[in-house]
Amino acid sequence: MSIRCFEIIDPQNSEASGSSLPNKVKEECIALATIAEEAERYDEMAHFMKEAMMFGSELTEDERNLFCSVLKNTVKVRISSWKAVNDMYAKEKGGKHEKVIQSYLSKIQNEVINICYDTVSLIDNYLFPNSSSIENKVFYCKSKGDCFRWIAEVLDEKRITEIAHFIGDSYQMGKQLSIDLSSTNPIRLSLCLAIGLFYYDILKDEPRAFDFLRETFDNAIAMLDNVSETEYRGATMVLSLIRDYL
């Protein structure tokens, strides 16, 4: 298999878009992203997915799952690292290694911020504008809000308040679009869970978070008997997570 996704191809070039080459390159990038995931080479996986997403075509369900895996294994892993180092920094304040730990903490923080803003840029410039799928649009809004929420996890309290409206705006747009999806749709439920976490973790409004997640849970449970087996499986997975927060 040729690693053609390393070649420089302009996805916006009309002549290239009219040929079969972009689709073939995207397929190869997706294949390489899958291989990189299996090999646990997640930064390379992120590179391949970025190349694929820059063509702006709709993501399939499998490609959405790869997208989520990239964020989990590049962003969330770094956030865990940042929290561990931040604990060390708190214990070392005033000690001889304070500046060294602070520098390392800033390095991890910048990695999280850069990856998240890079992802937001891909969504804004390539994925969302070229999508005609309501499901995908809701997914992109959720992913964008998630990125801002993850940035907030590595910021101090003052800066968290500055970024909170970006999180809220992204989730609110997704919420408005999700009205056309069923209350049991897994993507809609995942968005609702993210909104609940936003209320709880960022806005520190526990009653609002609880009421929102309870309403989401009850509305979905009431409709579960009327959905397909595939949607049922996806919905129950997210509902189990929502139930844990209730």
C-alpha atoms as a PDB file:
ATOM      1  CA  MET A   1       0.000   0.000   0.000  1.00  0.00           C
ATOM      2  CA  SER A   2       1.457   3.327  -1.024  1.00  0.00           C
ATOM      3  CA  ILE A   3       1.514   6.053   1.620  1.00  0.00           C
ATOM      4  CA  ARG A   4      -0.015   8.546  -0.765  1.00  0.00           C
ATOM      5  CA  CYS A   5      -1.635  10.641   1.931  1.00  0.00           C
ATOM      6  CA  PHE A   6       1.802  12.133   2.587  1.00  0.00           C
ATOM      7  CA  GLU A   7       1.635  13.721  -0.856  1.00  0.00           C
ATOM      8  CA  ILE A   8       0.535  17.339  -1.007  1.00  0.00           C
ATOM      9  CA  ILE A   9      -2.940  17.463  -2.570  1.00  0.00           C
ATOM     10  CA  ASP A  10      -5.176  20.489  -2.294  1.00  0.00           C
ATOM     11  CA  PRO A  11      -8.657  19.235  -1.290  1.00  0.00           C
ATOM     12  CA  GLN A  12     -10.199  22.511  -2.471  1.00  0.00           C
ATOM     13  CA  ASN A  13      -8.758  22.174  -5.973  1.00  0.00           C
ATOM     14  CA  SER A  14     -11.744  21.755  -8.266  1.00  0.00           C
ATOM     15  CA  GLU A  15      -9.861  19.696 -10.850  1.00  0.00           C
ATOM     16  CA  ALA A  16      -8.600  17.272  -8.212  1.00  0.00           C
ATOM     17  CA  SER A  17     -12.033  17.072  -6.612  1.00  0.00           C
ATOM     18  CA  GLY A  18     -13.525  15.956  -9.900  1.00  0.00           C
ATOM     19  CA  SER A  19     -11.171  12.978 -10.173  1.00  0.00           C
ATOM     20  CA  SER A  20     -11.067   9.719  -8.248  1.00  0.00           C
ATOM     21  CA  LEU A  21      -7.719  10.605  -6.671  1.00  0.00           C
ATOM     22  CA  PRO A  22      -9.008  12.451  -3.560  1.00  0.00           C
ATOM     23  CA  ASN A  23     -11.329   9.584  -2.628  1.00  0.00           C
ATOM     24  CA  LYS A  24      -8.533   7.074  -3.068  1.00  0.00           C
ATOM     25  CA  VAL A  25      -6.156   9.159  -0.964  1.00  0.00           C
ATOM     26  CA  LYS A  26      -8.780   9.514   1.754  1.00  0.00           C
ATOM     27  CA  GLU A  27      -9.386   5.754   1.773  1.00  0.00           C
ATOM     28  CA  GLU A  28      -5.662   5.092   2.128  1.00  0.00           C
ATOM     29  CA  CYS A  29      -5.360   7.617   4.953  1.00  0.00           C
ATOM     30  CA  ILE A  30      -8.285   6.003   6.778  1.00  0.00           C
ATOM     31  CA  ALA A  31      -6.668   2.577   6.284  1.00  0.00           C
ATOM     32  CA  LEU A  32      -3.387   3.873   7.683  1.00  0.00           C
ATOM     33  CA  ALA A  33      -5.192   5.512  10.615  1.00  0.00           C
ATOM     34  CA  THR A  34      -6.776   2.148  11.427  1.00  0.00           C
ATOM     35  CA  ILE A  35      -3.389   0.431  11.264  1.00  0.00           C
ATOM     36  CA  ALA A  36      -1.797   3.129  13.436  1.00  0.00           C
ATOM     37  CA  GLU A  37      -4.571   2.676  16.007  1.00  0.00           C
ATOM     38  CA  GLU A  38      -3.932  -1.064  16.178  1.00  0.00           C
ATOM     39  CA  ALA A  39      -0.220  -0.369  16.551  1.00  0.00           C
ATOM     40  CA  GLU A  40      -0.976   2.228  19.276  1.00  0.00           C
ATOM     41  CA  ARG A  41       0.885   4.924  17.323  1.00  0.00           C
ATOM     42  CA  TYR A  42      -1.710   7.562  18.088  1.00  0.00           C
ATOM     43  CA  ASP A  43       0.102  10.711  16.978  1.00  0.00           C
ATOM     44  CA  GLU A  44       0.575   9.142  13.541  1.00  0.00           C
ATOM     45  CA  MET A  45      -3.068   8.076  13.606  1.00  0.00           C
ATOM     46  CA  ALA A  46      -3.989  11.700  14.224  1.00  0.00           C
ATOM     47  CA  HIS A  47      -1.876  12.767  11.239  1.00  0.00           C
ATOM     48  CA  PHE A  48      -3.585  10.281   8.909  1.00  0.00           C
ATOM     49  CA  MET A  49      -7.061  11.286  10.128  1.00  0.00           C
ATOM     50  CA  LYS A  50      -6.247  14.967   9.648  1.00  0.00           C
ATOM     51  CA  GLU A  51      -5.189  14.273   6.066  1.00  0.00           C
ATOM     52  CA  ALA A  52      -8.423  12.351   5.454  1.00  0.00           C
ATOM     53  CA  MET A  53     -10.684  14.968   7.022  1.00  0.00           C
ATOM     54  CA  MET A  54      -9.200  17.804   4.993  1.00  0.00           C
ATOM     55  CA  PHE A  55     -11.065  16.469   1.954  1.00  0.00           C
ATOM     56  CA  GLY A  56     -14.270  17.613   3.659  1.00  0.00           C
ATOM     57  CA  SER A  57     -16.395  14.597   2.721  1.00  0.00           C
ATOM     58  CA  GLU A  58     -18.942  13.122   5.107  1.00  0.00           C
ATOM     59  CA  LEU A  59     -17.571  10.845   7.812  1.00  0.00           C
ATOM     60  CA  THR A  60     -19.051   7.370   8.050  1.00  0.00           C
ATOM     61  CA  GLU A  61     -19.898   5.848  11.426  1.00  0.00           C
ATOM     62  CA  ASP A  62     -16.597   3.931  11.417  1.00  0.00           C
ATOM     63  CA  GLU A  63     -14.707   7.126  10.565  1.00  0.00           C
ATOM     64  CA  ARG A  64     -16.467   8.974  13.386  1.00  0.00           C
ATOM     65  CA  ASN A  65     -15.322   6.220  15.745  1.00  0.00           C
ATOM     66  CA  LEU A  66     -11.738   6.677  14.507  1.00  0.00           C
ATOM     67  CA  PHE A  67     -12.079  10.424  15.040  1.00  0.00           C
ATOM     68  CA  CYS A  68     -13.202   9.819  18.647  1.00  0.00           C
ATOM     69  CA  SER A  69     -10.350   7.370  19.188  1.00  0.00           C
ATOM     70  CA  VAL A  70      -7.834   9.975  17.998  1.00  0.00           C
ATOM     71  CA  LEU A  71      -9.125  12.538  20.493  1.00  0.00           C
ATOM     72  CA  LYS A  72      -9.248   9.997  23.318  1.00  0.00           C
ATOM     73  CA  ASN A  73      -5.701   8.826  22.733  1.00  0.00           C
ATOM     74  CA  THR A  74      -4.051  12.151  21.974  1.00  0.00           C
ATOM     75  CA  VAL A  75      -5.967  14.723  24.023  1.00  0.00           C
ATOM     76  CA  LYS A  76      -7.439  12.857  26.978  1.00  0.00           C
ATOM     77  CA  VAL A  77      -4.221  10.952  27.622  1.00  0.00           C
ATOM     78  CA  ARG A  78      -2.325  14.253  27.737  1.00  0.00           C
ATOM     79  CA  ILE A  79      -4.925  15.725  30.100  1.00  0.00           C
ATOM     80  CA  SER A  80      -4.345  12.801  32.460  1.00  0.00           C
ATOM     81  CA  SER A  81      -0.610  13.462  32.228  1.00  0.00           C
ATOM     82  CA  TRP A  82      -1.166  17.164  32.921  1.00  0.00           C
ATOM     83  CA  LYS A  83      -3.218  16.384  36.039  1.00  0.00           C
ATOM     84  CA  ALA A  84      -0.549  14.019  37.355  1.00  0.00           C
ATOM     85  CA  VAL A  85       2.226  16.571  36.803  1.00  0.00           C
ATOM     86  CA  ASN A  86       0.047  19.349  38.229  1.00  0.00           C
ATOM     87  CA  ASP A  87      -0.293  17.361  41.462  1.00  0.00           C
ATOM     88  CA  MET A  88       3.492  17.062  41.583  1.00  0.00           C
ATOM     89  CA  TYR A  89       3.808  20.796  40.973  1.00  0.00           C
ATOM     90  CA  ALA A  90       1.454  21.605  43.848  1.00  0.00           C
ATOM     91  CA  LYS A  91       3.576  19.493  46.206  1.00  0.00           C
ATOM     92  CA  GLU A  92       6.857  20.951  44.930  1.00  0.00           C
ATOM     93  CA  LYS A  93       5.967  24.659  45.200  1.00  0.00           C
ATOM     94  CA  GLY A  94       8.870  26.407  46.844  1.00  0.00           C
ATOM     95  CA  GLY A  95      11.086  23.392  46.257  1.00  0.00           C
ATOM     96  CA  LYS A  96      14.202  23.135  44.128  1.00  0.00           C
ATOM     97  CA  HIS A  97      12.401  21.442  41.226  1.00  0.00           C
ATOM     98  CA  GLU A  98       9.473  23.872  41.053  1.00  0.00           C
ATOM     99  CA  LYS A  99      10.563  25.654  37.847  1.00  0.00           C
ATOM    100  CA  VAL A 100      11.452  22.417  36.066  1.00  0.00           C
ATOM    101  CA  ILE A 101       8.059  20.886  36.832  1.00  0.00           C
ATOM    102  CA  GLN A 102       6.281  24.122  35.901  1.00  0.00           C
ATOM    103  CA  SER A 103       8.038  24.145  32.523  1.00  0.00           C
ATOM    104  CA  TYR A 104       7.075  20.532  31.862  1.00  0.00           C
ATOM    105  CA  LEU A 105       3.503  21.264  32.931  1.00  0.00           C
ATOM    106  CA  SER A 106       3.329  24.142  30.436  1.00  0.00           C
ATOM    107  CA  LYS A 107       4.638  21.870  27.674  1.00  0.00           C
ATOM    108  CA  ILE A 108       1.829  19.348  28.205  1.00  0.00           C
ATOM    109  CA  GLN A 109      -0.732  22.144  28.510  1.00  0.00           C
ATOM    110  CA  ASN A 110       0.364  23.619  25.171  1.00  0.00           C
ATOM    111  CA  GLU A 111       0.122  20.209  23.515  1.00  0.00           C
ATOM    112  CA  VAL A 112      -3.483  19.823  24.694  1.00  0.00           C
ATOM    113  CA  ILE A 113      -4.411  23.338  23.568  1.00  0.00           C
ATOM    114  CA  ASN A 114      -2.737  23.000  20.158  1.00  0.00           C
ATOM    115  CA  ILE A 115      -4.333  19.631  19.355  1.00  0.00           C
ATOM    116  CA  CYS A 116      -7.774  20.897  20.385  1.00  0.00           C
ATOM    117  CA  TYR A 117      -7.539  24.125  18.375  1.00  0.00           C
ATOM    118  CA  ASP A 118      -6.247  22.151  15.393  1.00  0.00           C
ATOM    119  CA  THR A 119      -9.296  19.894  15.644  1.00  0.00           C
ATOM    120  CA  VAL A 120     -11.662  22.864  15.937  1.00  0.00           C
ATOM    121  CA  SER A 121     -10.067  24.346  12.815  1.00  0.00           C
ATOM    122  CA  LEU A 122     -10.643  21.103  10.883  1.00  0.00           C
ATOM    123  CA  ILE A 123     -14.285  21.074  11.950  1.00  0.00           C
ATOM    124  CA  ASP A 124     -14.875  24.736  11.103  1.00  0.00           C
ATOM    125  CA  ASN A 125     -13.021  24.764   7.780  1.00  0.00           C
ATOM    126  CA  TYR A 126     -13.586  21.314   6.307  1.00  0.00           C
ATOM    127  CA  LEU A 127     -16.052  19.030   8.072  1.00  0.00           C
ATOM    128  CA  PHE A 128     -19.037  21.132   9.163  1.00  0.00           C
ATOM    129  CA  PRO A 129     -19.314  23.359   6.041  1.00  0.00           C
ATOM    130  CA  ASN A 130     -19.344  20.336   3.717  1.00  0.00           C
ATOM    131  CA  SER A 131     -21.759  18.213   5.731  1.00  0.00           C
ATOM    132  CA  SER A 132     -25.392  17.650   4.790  1.00  0.00           C
ATOM    133  CA  SER A 133     -26.012  15.028   7.490  1.00  0.00           C
ATOM    134  CA  ILE A 134     -27.798  16.252  10.631  1.00  0.00           C
ATOM    135  CA  GLU A 135     -26.168  13.452  12.626  1.00  0.00           C
ATOM    136  CA  ASN A 136     -22.706  14.500  11.509  1.00  0.00           C
ATOM    137  CA  LYS A 137     -23.405  18.185  12.111  1.00  0.00           C
ATOM    138  CA  VAL A 138     -24.492  17.407  15.674  1.00  0.00           C
ATOM    139  CA  PHE A 139     -21.410  15.221  16.100  1.00  0.00           C
ATOM    140  CA  TYR A 140     -19.142  18.041  14.878  1.00  0.00           C
ATOM    141  CA  CYS A 141     -20.748  20.557  17.248  1.00  0.00           C
ATOM    142  CA  LYS A 142     -20.299  18.145  20.151  1.00  0.00           C
ATOM    143  CA  SER A 143     -16.686  17.454  19.190  1.00  0.00           C
ATOM    144  CA  LYS A 144     -15.966  21.171  18.942  1.00  0.00           C
ATOM    145  CA  GLY A 145     -17.508  21.804  22.353  1.00  0.00           C
ATOM    146  CA  ASP A 146     -15.568  18.864  23.777  1.00  0.00           C
ATOM    147  CA  CYS A 147     -12.310  20.357  22.522  1.00  0.00           C
ATOM    148  CA  PHE A 148     -13.000  23.657  24.249  1.00  0.00           C
ATOM    149  CA  ARG A 149     -14.058  21.783  27.409  1.00  0.00           C
ATOM    150  CA  TRP A 150     -10.812  19.798  27.394  1.00  0.00           C
ATOM    151  CA  ILE A 151      -8.826  23.011  26.998  1.00  0.00           C
ATOM    152  CA  ALA A 152     -10.656  24.293  30.081  1.00  0.00           C
ATOM    153  CA  GLU A 153      -9.436  21.267  32.041  1.00  0.00           C
ATOM    154  CA  VAL A 154      -5.838  22.485  31.799  1.00  0.00           C
ATOM    155  CA  LEU A 155      -6.537  26.174  32.501  1.00  0.00           C
ATOM    156  CA  ASP A 156      -6.799  28.108  35.746  1.00  0.00           C
ATOM    157  CA  GLU A 157     -10.183  29.312  37.013  1.00  0.00           C
ATOM    158  CA  LYS A 158      -9.901  32.797  35.499  1.00  0.00           C
ATOM    159  CA  ARG A 159      -9.181  31.501  32.006  1.00  0.00           C
ATOM    160  CA  ILE A 160     -11.895  28.845  32.292  1.00  0.00           C
ATOM    161  CA  THR A 161     -14.526  31.570  32.514  1.00  0.00           C
ATOM    162  CA  GLU A 162     -13.093  33.126  29.350  1.00  0.00           C
ATOM    163  CA  ILE A 163     -13.513  29.938  27.316  1.00  0.00           C
ATOM    164  CA  ALA A 164     -16.829  28.791  28.819  1.00  0.00           C
ATOM    165  CA  HIS A 165     -18.925  30.662  26.238  1.00  0.00           C
ATOM    166  CA  PHE A 166     -17.125  28.867  23.375  1.00  0.00           C
ATOM    167  CA  ILE A 167     -18.101  25.547  24.957  1.00  0.00           C
ATOM    168  CA  GLY A 168     -21.681  26.670  25.511  1.00  0.00           C
ATOM    169  CA  ASP A 169     -22.080  28.086  21.989  1.00  0.00           C
ATOM    170  CA  SER A 170     -20.845  24.863  20.370  1.00  0.00           C
ATOM    171  CA  TYR A 171     -23.096  22.635  22.456  1.00  0.00           C
ATOM    172  CA  GLN A 172     -26.072  24.964  21.987  1.00  0.00           C
ATOM    173  CA  MET A 173     -25.739  24.816  18.203  1.00  0.00           C
ATOM    174  CA  GLY A 174     -25.604  21.025  18.395  1.00  0.00           C
ATOM    175  CA  LYS A 175     -28.623  20.975  20.690  1.00  0.00           C
ATOM    176  CA  GLN A 176     -30.653  23.071  18.252  1.00  0.00           C
ATOM    177  CA  LEU A 177     -29.708  20.804  15.338  1.00  0.00           C
ATOM    178  CA  SER A 178     -30.433  17.643  17.340  1.00  0.00           C
ATOM    179  CA  ILE A 179     -34.122  18.545  17.602  1.00  0.00           C
ATOM    180  CA  ASP A 180     -34.570  16.672  14.317  1.00  0.00           C
ATOM    181  CA  LEU A 181     -33.040  13.509  15.813  1.00  0.00           C
ATOM    182  CA  SER A 182     -34.940  11.056  18.005  1.00  0.00           C
ATOM    183  CA  SER A 183     -34.523  11.205  21.786  1.00  0.00           C
ATOM    184  CA  THR A 184     -32.826   7.788  21.578  1.00  0.00           C
ATOM    185  CA  ASN A 185     -30.303   8.730  18.891  1.00  0.00           C
ATOM    186  CA  PRO A 186     -26.838   7.850  20.300  1.00  0.00           C
ATOM    187  CA  ILE A 187     -25.214  11.015  18.928  1.00  0.00           C
ATOM    188  CA  ARG A 188     -27.931  13.203  20.436  1.00  0.00           C
ATOM    189  CA  LEU A 189     -27.575  11.353  23.748  1.00  0.00           C
ATOM    190  CA  SER A 190     -23.789  11.773  23.677  1.00  0.00           C
ATOM    191  CA  LEU A 191     -24.245  15.501  23.125  1.00  0.00           C
ATOM    192  CA  CYS A 192     -26.679  15.689  26.051  1.00  0.00           C
ATOM    193  CA  LEU A 193     -24.183  13.895  28.288  1.00  0.00           C
ATOM    194  CA  ALA A 194     -21.485  16.383  27.259  1.00  0.00           C
ATOM    195  CA  ILE A 195     -23.828  19.290  28.013  1.00  0.00           C
ATOM    196  CA  GLY A 196     -24.540  17.831  31.442  1.00  0.00           C
ATOM    197  CA  LEU A 197     -20.805  17.602  32.132  1.00  0.00           C
ATOM    198  CA  PHE A 198     -20.411  21.200  30.974  1.00  0.00           C
ATOM    199  CA  TYR A 199     -23.059  22.359  33.450  1.00  0.00           C
ATOM    200  CA  TYR A 200     -21.488  20.309  36.252  1.00  0.00           C
ATOM    201  CA  ASP A 201     -17.728  20.677  35.697  1.00  0.00           C
ATOM    202  CA  ILE A 202     -17.405  24.097  34.053  1.00  0.00           C
ATOM    203  CA  LEU A 203     -20.415  26.115  35.199  1.00  0.00           C
ATOM    204  CA  LYS A 204     -20.480  24.373  38.606  1.00  0.00           C
ATOM    205  CA  ASP A 205     -24.288  24.169  38.399  1.00  0.00           C
ATOM    206  CA  GLU A 206     -25.037  20.716  39.798  1.00  0.00           C
ATOM    207  CA  PRO A 207     -28.860  21.062  39.965  1.00  0.00           C
ATOM    208  CA  ARG A 208     -29.038  22.171  36.331  1.00  0.00           C
ATOM    209  CA  ALA A 209     -26.791  19.303  35.264  1.00  0.00           C
ATOM    210  CA  PHE A 210     -28.870  16.766  37.197  1.00  0.00           C
ATOM    211  CA  ASP A 211     -32.217  18.058  35.896  1.00  0.00           C
ATOM    212  CA  PHE A 212     -30.987  18.121  32.294  1.00  0.00           C
ATOM    213  CA  LEU A 213     -29.525  14.617  32.412  1.00  0.00           C
ATOM    214  CA  ARG A 214     -32.590  13.236  34.215  1.00  0.00           C
ATOM    215  CA  GLU A 215     -34.899  14.656  31.546  1.00  0.00           C
ATOM    216  CA  THR A 216     -32.645  13.281  28.804  1.00  0.00           C
ATOM    217  CA  PHE A 217     -32.584   9.848  30.450  1.00  0.00           C
ATOM    218  CA  ASP A 218     -36.345   9.660  31.058  1.00  0.00           C
ATOM    219  CA  ASN A 219     -37.251  10.802  27.528  1.00  0.00           C
ATOM    220  CA  ALA A 220     -34.971   8.197  25.965  1.00  0.00           C
ATOM    221  CA  ILE A 221     -36.094   5.338  28.215  1.00  0.00           C
ATOM    222  CA  ALA A 222     -39.714   6.045  27.296  1.00  0.00           C
ATOM    223  CA  MET A 223     -38.936   5.497  23.594  1.00  0.00           C
ATOM    224  CA  LEU A 224     -36.474   2.586  23.763  1.00  0.00           C
ATOM    225  CA  ASP A 225     -39.060  -0.067  22.864  1.00  0.00           C
ATOM    226  CA  ASN A 226     -39.690   1.611  19.512  1.00  0.00           C
ATOM    227  CA  VAL A 227     -36.174   1.728  18.069  1.00  0.00           C
ATOM    228  CA  SER A 228     -34.052  -0.523  15.875  1.00  0.00           C
ATOM    229  CA  GLU A 229     -31.624  -3.008  17.390  1.00  0.00           C
ATOM    230  CA  THR A 230     -28.638  -0.931  16.242  1.00  0.00           C
ATOM    231  CA  GLU A 231     -29.954   2.283  17.771  1.00  0.00           C
ATOM    232  CA  TYR A 232     -30.959   0.378  20.904  1.00  0.00           C
ATOM    233  CA  ARG A 233     -27.391  -0.836  21.445  1.00  0.00           C
ATOM    234  CA  GLY A 234     -25.912   2.614  20.900  1.00  0.00           C
ATOM    235  CA  ALA A 235     -28.517   4.333  23.068  1.00  0.00           C
ATOM    236  CA  THR A 236     -28.191   1.953  26.016  1.00  0.00           C
ATOM    237  CA  MET A 237     -24.398   2.415  26.052  1.00  0.00           C
ATOM    238  CA  VAL A 238     -24.749   6.189  26.441  1.00  0.00           C
ATOM    239  CA  LEU A 239     -27.696   5.876  28.837  1.00  0.00           C
ATOM    240  CA  SER A 240     -25.597   3.704  31.145  1.00  0.00           C
ATOM    241  CA  LEU A 241     -23.063   6.546  31.334  1.00  0.00           C
ATOM    242  CA  ILE A 242     -25.803   9.097  32.008  1.00  0.00           C
ATOM    243  CA  ARG A 243     -27.246   6.855  34.724  1.00  0.00           C
ATOM    244  CA  ASP A 244     -23.838   6.742  36.439  1.00  0.00           C
ATOM    245  CA  TYR A 245     -23.960  10.542  36.817  1.00  0.00           C
ATOM    246  CA  LEU A 246     -27.486  10.408  38.205  1.00  0.00           C
END
